[in-house]
C-alpha atoms as a PDB file:
ATOM      1  CA  MET A   1     -12.407 -19.963  36.301  1.00  0.00           C
ATOM      2  CA  ILE A   2     -14.819 -18.549  33.766  1.00  0.00           C
ATOM      3  CA  ILE A   3     -17.769 -19.072  36.108  1.00  0.00           C
ATOM      4  CA  LEU A   4     -15.936 -17.351  38.968  1.00  0.00           C
ATOM      5  CA  GLY A   5     -15.137 -14.462  36.626  1.00  0.00           C
ATOM      6  CA  VAL A   6     -18.793 -14.091  35.678  1.00  0.00           C
ATOM      7  CA  ILE A   7     -19.849 -14.161  39.334  1.00  0.00           C
ATOM      8  CA  LEU A   8     -17.320 -11.472  40.248  1.00  0.00           C
ATOM      9  CA  LEU A   9     -18.330  -9.417  37.219  1.00  0.00           C
ATOM     10  CA  VAL A  10     -21.995  -9.504  38.241  1.00  0.00           C
ATOM     11  CA  LEU A  11     -21.209  -8.748  41.889  1.00  0.00           C
ATOM     12  CA  GLY A  12     -18.973  -5.860  40.872  1.00  0.00           C
ATOM     13  CA  ALA A  13     -21.726  -4.412  38.709  1.00  0.00           C
ATOM     14  CA  LEU A  14     -24.456  -4.842  41.329  1.00  0.00           C
ATOM     15  CA  LEU A  15     -22.418  -3.580  44.282  1.00  0.00           C
ATOM     16  CA  ASN A  16     -20.618  -0.909  42.238  1.00  0.00           C
ATOM     17  CA  ILE A  17     -17.163  -2.177  43.256  1.00  0.00           C
ATOM     18  CA  SER A  18     -14.718  -1.590  40.437  1.00  0.00           C
ATOM     19  CA  ILE A  19     -12.002  -3.998  41.656  1.00  0.00           C
ATOM     20  CA  LEU A  20     -14.454  -6.939  41.453  1.00  0.00           C
ATOM     21  CA  TRP A  21     -15.391  -5.845  37.933  1.00  0.00           C
ATOM     22  CA  THR A  22     -11.716  -5.747  36.904  1.00  0.00           C
ATOM     23  CA  ILE A  23     -10.841  -9.097  38.490  1.00  0.00           C
ATOM     24  CA  GLY A  24     -13.933 -10.656  36.896  1.00  0.00           C
ATOM     25  CA  ILE A  25     -12.913  -9.525  33.414  1.00  0.00           C
ATOM     26  CA  ILE A  26      -9.360 -10.794  33.932  1.00  0.00           C
ATOM     27  CA  LEU A  27     -10.590 -14.211  35.116  1.00  0.00           C
ATOM     28  CA  ILE A  28     -12.957 -14.538  32.167  1.00  0.00           C
ATOM     29  CA  VAL A  29     -10.188 -13.737  29.679  1.00  0.00           C
ATOM     30  CA  VAL A  30      -7.641 -16.075  31.300  1.00  0.00           C
ATOM     31  CA  GLY A  31     -10.198 -18.872  31.578  1.00  0.00           C
ATOM     32  CA  ALA A  32     -11.208 -18.475  27.929  1.00  0.00           C
ATOM     33  CA  VAL A  33      -7.573 -18.565  26.781  1.00  0.00           C
ATOM     34  CA  LEU A  34      -6.843 -21.690  28.823  1.00  0.00           C
ATOM     35  CA  TRP A  35     -10.015 -23.327  27.527  1.00  0.00           C
ATOM     36  CA  LEU A  36      -9.120 -22.558  23.915  1.00  0.00           C
ATOM     37  CA  LEU A  37      -5.553 -23.818  24.303  1.00  0.00           C
ATOM     38  CA  GLY A  38      -6.762 -26.993  25.977  1.00  0.00           C
ATOM     39  CA  SER A  39      -9.404 -27.656  23.344  1.00  0.00           C
ATOM     40  CA  MET A  40      -6.862 -27.285  20.525  1.00  0.00           C
ATOM     41  CA  GLY A  41      -4.810 -30.132  21.980  1.00  0.00           C
ATOM     42  CA  ARG A  42      -1.978 -28.008  23.318  1.00  0.00           C
ATOM     43  CA  ALA A  43      -0.549 -28.825  26.729  1.00  0.00           C
ATOM     44  CA  VAL A  44      -1.419 -26.165  29.302  1.00  0.00           C
ATOM     45  CA  GLY A  45       1.283 -26.344  31.952  1.00  0.00           C
ATOM     46  CA  PRO A  46       1.676 -29.985  33.031  1.00  0.00           C
ATOM     47  CA  ARG A  47      -1.801 -30.945  31.723  1.00  0.00           C
ATOM     48  CA  ASN A  48      -2.607 -32.243  28.270  1.00  0.00           C
ATOM     49  CA  HIS A  49      -6.098 -30.748  28.418  1.00  0.00           C
ATOM     50  CA  TYR A  50      -7.908 -28.154  30.491  1.00  0.00           C
ATOM     51  CA  TRP A  51     -11.521 -28.393  31.554  1.00  0.00           C
END
């Protein structure tokens, strides 16, 4: 999810498309939050860890 966010962020910046930029930032933030919760040992949804 973080990698997809970075790809969309770069594409949005290169192609000057603001919706890709916005979606990229959102995906990076959500992916980082899920990664942090999973690494702290908290269950994320039905999973015990998140990769």
